[in-house]
Protein backbone atom coordinates (compact mmCIF):
# COMPACT_ATOMS: atom_id res chain seq x y z
CA UNK A 1 -8.57 -103.62 -55.18
CA UNK A 2 -7.76 -101.19 -52.38
CA UNK A 3 -4.05 -102.10 -52.57
CA UNK A 4 -4.06 -101.65 -56.32
CA UNK A 5 -5.46 -98.15 -55.84
CA UNK A 6 -2.71 -97.37 -53.34
CA UNK A 7 -0.12 -98.71 -55.76
CA UNK A 8 -1.52 -96.48 -58.49
CA UNK A 9 -1.21 -93.48 -56.21
CA UNK A 10 2.39 -94.24 -55.27
CA UNK A 11 3.98 -92.70 -58.41
CA UNK A 12 1.99 -89.53 -57.81
CA UNK A 13 3.19 -89.41 -54.21
CA UNK A 14 6.77 -89.88 -55.36
CA UNK A 15 6.39 -87.24 -58.02
CA UNK A 16 4.99 -84.86 -55.43
CA UNK A 17 8.31 -85.11 -53.64
CA UNK A 18 10.19 -83.71 -56.65
CA UNK A 19 11.96 -80.39 -56.23
CA UNK A 20 13.45 -78.79 -59.31
CA UNK A 21 15.27 -76.03 -57.46
CA UNK A 22 19.07 -76.47 -57.34
CA UNK A 23 20.48 -77.65 -54.01
CA UNK A 24 21.34 -74.44 -52.20
CA UNK A 25 24.60 -73.68 -50.44
CA UNK A 26 25.60 -70.18 -49.30
CA UNK A 27 28.06 -68.65 -51.79
CA UNK A 28 31.68 -69.34 -50.96
CA UNK A 29 33.97 -66.37 -50.42
CA UNK A 30 37.53 -66.29 -49.17
CA UNK A 31 37.48 -64.57 -45.77
CA UNK A 32 40.80 -63.60 -44.14
CA UNK A 33 41.77 -65.17 -40.86
CA UNK A 34 42.34 -61.84 -39.08
CA UNK A 35 42.09 -58.11 -39.66
CA UNK A 36 45.20 -56.51 -41.10
CA UNK A 37 44.58 -53.18 -39.32
CA UNK A 38 43.97 -54.76 -35.92
CA UNK A 39 47.64 -54.28 -35.03
CA UNK A 40 48.27 -55.25 -31.44
CA UNK A 41 44.58 -55.25 -30.50
CA UNK A 42 43.53 -58.45 -28.79
CA UNK A 43 40.00 -59.72 -29.40
CA UNK A 44 38.03 -60.03 -26.17
CA UNK A 45 36.91 -63.52 -25.21
CA UNK A 46 34.16 -64.13 -24.55
CA UNK A 47 32.57 -61.22 -26.34
CA UNK A 48 30.28 -59.32 -23.99
CA UNK A 49 27.98 -57.48 -26.32
CA UNK A 50 24.57 -58.99 -25.67
CA UNK A 51 22.31 -56.03 -25.04
CA UNK A 52 22.12 -52.35 -26.01
CA UNK A 53 25.53 -51.68 -27.53
CA UNK A 54 25.42 -47.93 -26.87
CA UNK A 55 25.71 -48.51 -23.14
CA UNK A 56 29.47 -48.97 -23.61
CA UNK A 57 29.70 -45.15 -23.74
CA UNK A 58 28.22 -44.86 -20.23
CA UNK A 59 26.16 -41.78 -20.97
CA UNK A 60 22.73 -41.62 -19.26
CA UNK A 61 21.30 -39.21 -21.83
CA UNK A 62 22.34 -41.43 -24.73
CA UNK A 63 20.88 -44.43 -22.88
CA UNK A 64 17.60 -42.54 -22.61
CA UNK A 65 17.50 -41.42 -26.26
CA UNK A 66 18.42 -44.65 -28.03
CA UNK A 67 15.31 -46.71 -27.11
CA UNK A 68 13.13 -43.98 -28.61
CA UNK A 69 14.44 -44.90 -32.08
CA UNK A 70 12.68 -48.25 -31.78
CA UNK A 71 9.48 -46.62 -30.59
CA UNK A 72 9.05 -43.54 -32.75
CA UNK A 73 11.43 -43.43 -35.73
CA UNK A 74 9.34 -43.40 -38.90
CA UNK A 75 12.01 -44.88 -41.20
CA UNK A 76 12.22 -47.84 -38.84
CA UNK A 77 8.42 -48.08 -38.78
CA UNK A 78 8.46 -48.33 -42.59
CA UNK A 79 11.08 -51.09 -42.46
CA UNK A 80 9.00 -52.94 -39.85
CA UNK A 81 5.90 -52.68 -42.05
CA UNK A 82 7.91 -54.04 -44.96
CA UNK A 83 8.84 -57.08 -42.85
CA UNK A 84 5.20 -57.62 -41.84
CA UNK A 85 4.27 -57.48 -45.53
CA UNK A 86 6.92 -60.11 -46.31
CA UNK A 87 5.50 -62.37 -43.59
CA UNK A 88 2.03 -61.95 -45.08
CA UNK A 89 3.37 -63.02 -48.48
CA UNK A 90 4.69 -66.21 -46.83
CA UNK A 91 1.22 -66.98 -45.48
CA UNK A 92 -0.27 -66.24 -48.89
CA UNK A 93 2.15 -68.66 -50.58
CA UNK A 94 1.48 -71.35 -47.95
CA UNK A 95 -2.24 -71.23 -48.69
CA UNK A 96 -1.54 -72.97 -52.02
CA UNK A 97 -0.73 -76.16 -50.09
CA UNK A 98 -4.41 -76.56 -49.18
CA UNK A 99 -7.66 -76.83 -51.18
CA UNK A 100 -9.36 -73.56 -52.04
CA UNK A 101 -13.08 -73.71 -51.35
CA UNK A 102 -15.73 -71.20 -52.31
CA UNK A 103 -19.46 -70.85 -52.71
CA UNK A 104 -21.74 -68.82 -54.93
CA UNK A 105 -25.48 -68.21 -55.17
CA UNK A 106 -27.28 -66.57 -58.09
CA UNK A 107 -31.00 -65.72 -58.39
CA UNK A 108 -32.47 -64.24 -61.56
CA UNK A 109 -35.70 -63.86 -63.57
CA UNK A 110 -35.14 -64.09 -67.33
CA UNK A 111 -36.94 -63.68 -70.66
CA UNK A 112 -35.61 -65.17 -73.84
CA UNK A 113 -36.00 -63.72 -77.30
CA UNK A 114 -38.78 -64.95 -79.55
CA UNK A 115 -36.23 -65.22 -82.33
CA UNK A 116 -33.41 -67.03 -80.49
CA UNK A 117 -32.07 -69.44 -83.15
CA UNK A 118 -31.95 -72.50 -80.89
CA UNK A 119 -35.26 -71.88 -79.15
CA UNK A 120 -37.55 -74.90 -78.92
CA UNK A 121 -41.29 -74.88 -79.28
CA UNK A 122 -41.99 -75.77 -75.65
CA UNK A 123 -39.52 -73.38 -74.10
CA UNK A 124 -41.08 -70.70 -71.85
CA UNK A 125 -40.70 -67.04 -72.57
CA UNK A 126 -40.13 -66.29 -68.92
CA UNK A 127 -38.17 -68.48 -66.53
CA UNK A 128 -36.23 -68.34 -63.31
CA UNK A 129 -32.62 -69.49 -62.91
CA UNK A 130 -31.65 -69.89 -59.28
CA UNK A 131 -28.45 -71.66 -58.32
CA UNK A 132 -26.53 -72.40 -55.15
CA UNK A 133 -23.17 -73.99 -55.74
CA UNK A 134 -19.84 -74.69 -54.13
CA UNK A 135 -16.44 -75.17 -55.72
CA UNK A 136 -13.20 -76.67 -54.47
CA UNK A 137 -9.85 -76.96 -56.21
CA UNK A 138 -6.51 -78.35 -55.18
CA UNK A 139 -3.25 -78.22 -57.13
CA UNK A 140 -1.05 -81.29 -56.78
CA UNK A 141 2.46 -79.97 -56.29
CA UNK A 142 4.19 -82.58 -58.43
CA UNK A 143 7.26 -80.55 -59.31
CA UNK A 144 7.72 -78.56 -56.11
CA UNK A 145 6.57 -75.28 -57.63
CA UNK A 146 4.43 -74.38 -54.63
CA UNK A 147 7.04 -75.48 -52.10
CA UNK A 148 9.75 -73.55 -53.92
CA UNK A 149 7.50 -70.50 -53.93
CA UNK A 150 6.98 -70.84 -50.17
CA UNK A 151 10.71 -71.30 -49.59
CA UNK A 152 11.46 -68.24 -51.71
CA UNK A 153 9.01 -66.10 -49.74
CA UNK A 154 10.39 -67.39 -46.45
CA UNK A 155 13.88 -66.43 -47.53
CA UNK A 156 12.58 -63.02 -48.60
CA UNK A 157 10.93 -62.63 -45.18
CA UNK A 158 14.21 -63.50 -43.48
CA UNK A 159 16.00 -60.98 -45.70
CA UNK A 160 13.39 -58.39 -44.77
CA UNK A 161 13.93 -59.16 -41.08
CA UNK A 162 17.67 -58.67 -41.57
CA UNK A 163 16.96 -55.41 -43.44
CA UNK A 164 14.88 -54.30 -40.46
CA UNK A 165 17.78 -55.08 -38.13
CA UNK A 166 20.18 -53.24 -40.44
CA UNK A 167 17.91 -50.19 -40.50
CA UNK A 168 17.58 -50.27 -36.72
CA UNK A 169 21.33 -50.55 -36.22
CA UNK A 170 22.06 -47.82 -38.74
CA UNK A 171 19.60 -45.41 -37.13
CA UNK A 172 20.90 -46.18 -33.63
CA UNK A 173 24.45 -45.57 -34.82
CA UNK A 174 23.43 -42.34 -36.54
CA UNK A 175 21.84 -41.14 -33.30
CA UNK A 176 24.95 -42.08 -31.31
CA UNK A 177 27.24 -40.27 -33.77
CA UNK A 178 25.06 -37.15 -33.72
CA UNK A 179 24.83 -37.19 -29.93
CA UNK A 180 28.57 -37.65 -29.46
CA UNK A 181 29.18 -34.90 -32.00
CA UNK A 182 26.85 -32.62 -30.05
CA UNK A 183 28.62 -33.36 -26.77
CA UNK A 184 31.94 -32.77 -28.50
CA UNK A 185 30.72 -29.31 -29.45
CA UNK A 186 29.61 -28.76 -25.85
CA UNK A 187 33.18 -29.41 -24.77
CA UNK A 188 34.46 -27.00 -27.42
CA UNK A 189 31.94 -24.39 -26.26
CA UNK A 190 33.25 -24.70 -22.70
CA UNK A 191 36.81 -24.28 -23.98
CA UNK A 192 35.81 -21.22 -25.99
CA UNK A 193 33.99 -19.66 -23.05
CA UNK A 194 37.02 -20.24 -20.84
CA UNK A 195 39.18 -18.79 -23.59
CA UNK A 196 36.95 -15.73 -23.96
CA UNK A 197 37.17 -15.19 -20.19
CA UNK A 198 40.98 -15.53 -20.30
CA UNK A 199 41.25 -13.17 -23.27
CA UNK A 200 38.96 -10.68 -21.52
CA UNK A 201 41.31 -10.77 -18.51
CA UNK A 202 44.27 -10.32 -20.85
CA UNK A 203 42.60 -7.32 -22.49
CA UNK A 204 42.01 -5.80 -19.07
CA UNK A 205 45.68 -6.38 -18.24
CA UNK A 206 46.85 -4.58 -21.38
CA UNK A 207 44.48 -1.68 -20.68
CA UNK A 208 45.78 -1.36 -17.13
CA UNK A 209 49.36 -1.45 -18.34
CA UNK A 210 48.55 1.21 -20.90
CA UNK A 211 47.00 3.41 -18.24
CA UNK A 212 50.11 2.84 -16.11
CA UNK A 213 52.21 3.95 -19.07
CA UNK A 214 54.09 0.65 -19.13
CA UNK A 215 52.17 -0.81 -22.07
CA UNK A 216 51.65 0.06 -25.70
CA UNK A 217 48.37 0.91 -27.47
CA UNK A 218 49.07 -1.83 -30.01
CA UNK A 219 48.96 -4.39 -27.20
CA UNK A 220 45.43 -3.32 -26.34
CA UNK A 221 44.42 -3.50 -30.00
CA UNK A 222 45.92 -6.96 -30.37
CA UNK A 223 44.18 -8.19 -27.20
CA UNK A 224 40.89 -6.74 -28.45
CA UNK A 225 41.24 -8.52 -31.82
CA UNK A 226 42.07 -11.78 -30.08
CA UNK A 227 39.02 -11.49 -27.81
CA UNK A 228 36.63 -10.65 -30.64
CA UNK A 229 37.91 -13.57 -32.72
CA UNK A 230 37.28 -15.97 -29.84
CA UNK A 231 33.77 -14.56 -29.34
CA UNK A 232 33.07 -15.01 -33.06
CA UNK A 233 34.19 -18.63 -32.92
CA UNK A 234 31.92 -19.19 -29.91
CA UNK A 235 28.95 -17.78 -31.80
CA UNK A 236 29.81 -19.81 -34.89
CA UNK A 237 29.82 -23.14 -33.07
CA UNK A 238 26.21 -22.83 -31.89
CA UNK A 239 24.94 -23.41 -35.44
CA UNK A 240 26.42 -26.91 -35.89
CA UNK A 241 25.24 -27.84 -32.40
CA UNK A 242 21.69 -26.88 -33.32
CA UNK A 243 21.89 -29.04 -36.45
CA UNK A 244 22.95 -32.05 -34.38
CA UNK A 245 20.05 -31.39 -32.02
CA UNK A 246 17.56 -31.19 -34.90
CA UNK A 247 18.87 -34.43 -36.42
CA UNK A 248 18.50 -36.22 -33.09
CA UNK A 249 14.91 -34.98 -32.78
CA UNK A 250 14.00 -36.47 -36.17
CA UNK A 251 15.69 -39.76 -35.34
CA UNK A 252 13.59 -40.22 -32.21
CA UNK A 253 10.38 -39.13 -33.94
CA UNK A 254 9.98 -35.69 -32.41
CA UNK A 255 9.55 -32.28 -34.10
CA UNK A 256 12.82 -30.36 -34.15
CA UNK A 257 10.93 -27.22 -33.12
CA UNK A 258 10.06 -28.54 -29.66
CA UNK A 259 13.07 -30.70 -28.87
CA UNK A 260 16.12 -29.60 -26.90
CA UNK A 261 19.10 -31.23 -25.25
CA UNK A 262 20.51 -29.05 -22.45
CA UNK A 263 24.24 -28.35 -22.81
CA UNK A 264 26.42 -30.57 -20.64
CA UNK A 265 30.09 -31.39 -20.45
CA UNK A 266 30.53 -35.07 -19.79
CA UNK A 267 33.53 -37.06 -20.92
CA UNK A 268 32.11 -40.15 -22.61
CA UNK A 269 33.96 -43.38 -22.01
CA UNK A 270 36.05 -44.54 -24.96
CA UNK A 271 34.96 -48.20 -25.26
CA UNK A 272 37.22 -51.16 -25.78
CA UNK A 273 35.54 -52.85 -28.73
CA UNK A 274 36.24 -56.56 -29.27
CA UNK A 275 36.47 -56.98 -33.03
CA UNK A 276 36.62 -60.76 -33.29
CA UNK A 277 37.66 -62.23 -36.65
CA UNK A 278 36.41 -61.46 -40.18
CA UNK A 279 34.39 -64.67 -40.44
CA UNK A 280 32.09 -63.52 -37.64
CA UNK A 281 30.78 -60.77 -39.92
CA UNK A 282 28.84 -63.46 -41.80
CA UNK A 283 26.78 -63.98 -38.64
CA UNK A 284 26.90 -60.53 -37.07
CA UNK A 285 26.19 -58.17 -39.97
CA UNK A 286 22.47 -57.95 -40.78
CA UNK A 287 23.17 -56.62 -44.29
CA UNK A 288 25.36 -59.68 -44.99
CA UNK A 289 22.60 -61.97 -43.69
CA UNK A 290 20.05 -60.17 -45.86
CA UNK A 291 22.22 -60.57 -48.97
CA UNK A 292 22.63 -64.28 -48.26
CA UNK A 293 18.88 -64.77 -47.81
CA UNK A 294 18.21 -62.92 -51.07
CA UNK A 295 20.55 -65.40 -52.73
CA UNK A 296 18.60 -68.30 -51.23
CA UNK A 297 15.32 -66.80 -52.47
CA UNK A 298 16.74 -66.37 -55.98
CA UNK A 299 17.84 -70.01 -55.95
CA UNK A 300 14.26 -71.13 -55.23
CA UNK A 301 12.87 -69.08 -58.12
CA UNK A 302 14.95 -71.23 -60.48
CA UNK A 303 12.92 -74.24 -59.31
CA UNK A 304 9.69 -72.34 -59.95
CA UNK A 305 10.83 -71.46 -63.48
CA UNK A 306 11.84 -75.07 -64.18
CA UNK A 307 8.46 -76.36 -62.98
CA UNK A 308 6.75 -74.27 -65.69
CA UNK A 309 8.06 -76.77 -68.29
CA UNK A 310 5.98 -79.58 -66.74
CA UNK A 311 2.21 -80.13 -66.54
CA UNK A 312 0.18 -78.60 -63.74
CA UNK A 313 -2.35 -80.98 -62.17
CA UNK A 314 -5.43 -79.62 -60.42
CA UNK A 315 -8.29 -81.57 -58.82
CA UNK A 316 -11.61 -79.71 -59.18
CA UNK A 317 -14.94 -80.30 -57.45
CA UNK A 318 -18.20 -78.55 -58.22
CA UNK A 319 -21.58 -79.27 -56.61
CA UNK A 320 -24.80 -77.40 -56.14
CA UNK A 321 -28.56 -77.08 -56.67
CA UNK A 322 -30.37 -75.40 -59.54
CA UNK A 323 -34.08 -74.68 -60.02
CA UNK A 324 -36.33 -72.30 -61.85
CA UNK A 325 -37.92 -71.54 -58.50
CA UNK A 326 -36.69 -71.93 -54.97
CA UNK A 327 -36.87 -75.70 -54.56
CA UNK A 328 -33.10 -75.90 -53.94
CA UNK A 329 -33.07 -78.81 -51.51
CA UNK A 330 -34.41 -81.40 -53.94
CA UNK A 331 -31.91 -84.07 -54.97
CA UNK A 332 -33.43 -83.99 -58.42
CA UNK A 333 -32.20 -80.45 -58.81
CA UNK A 334 -28.66 -81.24 -57.80
CA UNK A 335 -25.68 -80.96 -60.12
CA UNK A 336 -22.02 -81.79 -59.60
CA UNK A 337 -18.77 -82.30 -61.37
CA UNK A 338 -15.50 -83.76 -60.15
CA UNK A 339 -12.22 -84.54 -61.89
CA UNK A 340 -8.68 -83.48 -62.55
CA UNK A 341 -7.47 -80.90 -65.02
CA UNK A 342 -4.06 -80.82 -66.68
CA UNK A 343 -2.49 -77.78 -68.30
CA UNK A 344 0.75 -77.51 -70.26
CA UNK A 345 1.55 -74.81 -72.79
CA UNK A 346 2.90 -76.48 -75.92
CA UNK A 347 4.32 -73.44 -77.67
CA UNK A 348 5.20 -70.08 -76.14
CA UNK A 349 7.92 -68.88 -78.54
CA UNK A 350 10.65 -69.36 -75.92
CA UNK A 351 8.94 -67.41 -73.12
CA UNK A 352 9.52 -70.07 -70.42
CA UNK A 353 13.10 -70.64 -71.50
CA UNK A 354 13.75 -66.91 -71.37
CA UNK A 355 12.19 -66.70 -67.90
CA UNK A 356 14.38 -69.56 -66.68
CA UNK A 357 17.47 -67.84 -68.07
CA UNK A 358 16.41 -64.64 -66.31
CA UNK A 359 16.04 -66.41 -62.94
CA UNK A 360 19.45 -68.04 -63.34
CA UNK A 361 21.00 -64.67 -64.15
CA UNK A 362 19.17 -63.11 -61.17
CA UNK A 363 20.69 -65.79 -58.94
CA UNK A 364 24.19 -65.02 -60.22
CA UNK A 365 23.48 -61.35 -59.56
CA UNK A 366 22.54 -62.03 -55.92
CA UNK A 367 25.67 -64.17 -55.49
CA UNK A 368 27.81 -61.27 -56.73
CA UNK A 369 25.93 -58.84 -54.49
CA UNK A 370 26.43 -61.12 -51.49
CA UNK A 371 30.16 -61.38 -52.10
CA UNK A 372 30.38 -57.62 -52.62
CA UNK A 373 28.52 -57.03 -49.34
CA UNK A 374 30.95 -59.29 -47.47
CA UNK A 375 33.98 -57.56 -49.00
CA UNK A 376 32.58 -54.12 -48.13
CA UNK A 377 31.84 -55.30 -44.58
CA UNK A 378 35.45 -56.40 -44.13
CA UNK A 379 36.65 -53.12 -45.64
CA UNK A 380 34.50 -51.07 -43.25
CA UNK A 381 35.95 -52.89 -40.24
CA UNK A 382 39.49 -52.46 -41.56
CA UNK A 383 38.85 -48.77 -42.29
CA UNK A 384 37.61 -48.03 -38.79
CA UNK A 385 40.32 -50.09 -37.12
CA UNK A 386 42.91 -48.11 -39.08
CA UNK A 387 41.24 -44.81 -38.18
CA UNK A 388 41.05 -45.67 -34.50
CA UNK A 389 44.68 -46.71 -34.45
CA UNK A 390 45.84 -43.48 -36.11
CA UNK A 391 43.52 -41.41 -33.92
CA UNK A 392 44.93 -43.05 -30.79
CA UNK A 393 48.42 -41.95 -31.81
CA UNK A 394 47.19 -38.52 -32.84
CA UNK A 395 45.35 -38.08 -29.53
CA UNK A 396 48.54 -38.75 -27.56
CA UNK A 397 50.43 -36.24 -29.71
CA UNK A 398 47.86 -33.46 -29.48
CA UNK A 399 47.47 -33.96 -25.73
CA UNK A 400 51.23 -33.56 -25.32
CA UNK A 401 51.12 -30.56 -27.62
CA UNK A 402 48.28 -28.98 -25.62
CA UNK A 403 50.16 -29.45 -22.35
CA UNK A 404 53.33 -27.89 -23.75
CA UNK A 405 51.44 -25.09 -25.43
CA UNK A 406 49.64 -24.20 -22.19
CA UNK A 407 52.95 -24.12 -20.37
CA UNK A 408 54.37 -21.82 -23.05
CA UNK A 409 51.31 -19.59 -22.81
CA UNK A 410 51.64 -19.28 -19.05
CA UNK A 411 55.35 -18.46 -19.36
CA UNK A 412 54.73 -15.86 -22.06
CA UNK A 413 52.03 -14.12 -20.02
CA UNK A 414 54.22 -14.16 -16.90
CA UNK A 415 57.14 -12.74 -18.86
CA UNK A 416 54.91 -10.02 -20.30
CA UNK A 417 53.68 -9.03 -16.85
CA UNK A 418 57.31 -8.71 -15.73
CA UNK A 419 58.22 -6.67 -18.81
CA UNK A 420 60.42 -9.37 -20.30
CA UNK A 421 58.51 -9.75 -23.59
CA UNK A 422 55.95 -7.95 -25.73
CA UNK A 423 52.30 -8.86 -26.02
CA UNK A 424 52.70 -10.35 -29.50
CA UNK A 425 54.56 -13.25 -27.87
CA UNK A 426 51.62 -13.71 -25.50
CA UNK A 427 49.12 -13.76 -28.38
CA UNK A 428 51.16 -16.30 -30.33
CA UNK A 429 51.50 -18.56 -27.28
CA UNK A 430 47.82 -18.25 -26.28
CA UNK A 431 46.64 -18.93 -29.81
CA UNK A 432 48.86 -22.01 -30.03
CA UNK A 433 47.54 -23.24 -26.68
CA UNK A 434 43.93 -22.72 -27.72
CA UNK A 435 44.43 -24.44 -31.08
CA UNK A 436 46.12 -27.42 -29.42
CA UNK A 437 43.38 -27.79 -26.80
CA UNK A 438 40.65 -27.57 -29.43
CA UNK A 439 42.48 -30.07 -31.63
CA UNK A 440 42.62 -32.45 -28.66
CA UNK A 441 38.86 -32.12 -28.15
CA UNK A 442 38.15 -32.67 -31.85
CA UNK A 443 40.31 -35.78 -31.93
CA UNK A 444 38.60 -37.11 -28.79
CA UNK A 445 35.18 -36.66 -30.44
CA UNK A 446 36.41 -38.29 -33.65
CA UNK A 447 37.61 -41.29 -31.67
CA UNK A 448 34.19 -41.68 -30.06
CA UNK A 449 32.32 -41.33 -33.35
CA UNK A 450 34.71 -43.71 -35.10
CA UNK A 451 34.08 -46.21 -32.29
CA UNK A 452 30.38 -46.03 -33.18
CA UNK A 453 31.27 -46.63 -36.83
CA UNK A 454 33.31 -49.69 -35.84
CA UNK A 455 30.43 -51.08 -33.76
CA UNK A 456 28.15 -50.54 -36.77
CA UNK A 457 30.67 -52.26 -39.06
CA UNK A 458 30.83 -55.23 -36.67
CA UNK A 459 27.04 -55.63 -36.58
CA UNK A 460 26.27 -54.20 -33.15
CA UNK A 461 24.53 -56.64 -30.85
CA UNK A 462 22.58 -58.29 -33.68
CA UNK A 463 22.92 -62.02 -34.36
CA UNK A 464 21.90 -64.19 -37.30
CA UNK A 465 19.98 -66.34 -34.81
CA UNK A 466 17.22 -63.75 -34.98
CA UNK A 467 16.35 -65.01 -38.47
CA UNK A 468 14.90 -68.14 -36.89
CA UNK A 469 11.82 -66.08 -36.02
CA UNK A 470 11.07 -65.61 -39.72
CA UNK A 471 10.99 -69.38 -40.22
CA UNK A 472 8.07 -69.68 -37.84
CA UNK A 473 5.74 -67.82 -40.18
């Protein structure tokens, strides 16, 4: 008899192993073997990027600021809370694997109407109705609906974890770009102050030559204009620097009103960034990982929608004690009920079919979004590789131009002092030298900020292995 009971349960056990979700495989996308814009760059092997990626710039202040993003940035705190919420949804979905048990107690005094239609002759007018009861229910997951729901929430939690990593990386990169921009302006401010000092000396020279009757009044006027223009540019550059400082304050969770970064001139190291191959973006970009996990979650929802076409089996248990008084421990006052329930809508005017079609379309949408994310990731790497390559060439050109322009400026000023040229030649040469030096500084800052953009495009020091943590919950 016992074996016959086990045999009768076997089909139910086998049915419980059903899973109506399609077998999932990450969407296939053609990924190039190498980056077109890499040129002669050689990927580093092995790649040494395990740890805070911003340390490649070797700037102590940046090293001090970056960890504060993790601690105090409010956008990151919101992303972290979103991940915690996703983990809680996983736990909520997992609870459906176990029986749900509850209890209830009711105590009441009642009076029935004299004219109640079904009232019997011996029924009391006043009576108590006191009940203590417990209920338990358990849904048999025959079609994998519960398991698919759990798998979908786990994939969503993993996507949320990747979104958190993407938000962290984006905020860290934004801070690095703002900081490097600020330090670039500090270098320009130093150049402008040196230029103002040089122009002030030149103005003094023209005034002395005028007093010695070997110069012309127009030379003094031209030197004065040149000095005032340089002073105006120096005043103008303080505004953008303040904006960078304010942005950094917000990124590290501090009020802009009380936050300052003292000016400093420090040449940040231009890092050599190993770019790897395009296929590594599938593991190194958190936004790509998030898009893939969203696709996996959408795949599981198809199984949930398919399960709605089949019966739902629930085992219910009810037991308790009921008495008109408080004699609730008497077996004669006990009541119970146990048995399965089966539910299956027979006609819903196509609602379930429409919902299934919607989940299938949603899956196709996530596949397209995943492929689009991968393509954009490759584009961003290519864009920044191309920019860095062109900026490297431009930097060499502007440095050579700045050197030549400074030499021309020195020669023009020397010739003017010896009476061999007029001051207009000096102004033209000094202006060209200043413009070339400032262009060199701007290009140097652009190279640093583009390096940050490339690190961001490559995924920083994040790895898809971090998603394993989401599987544990």
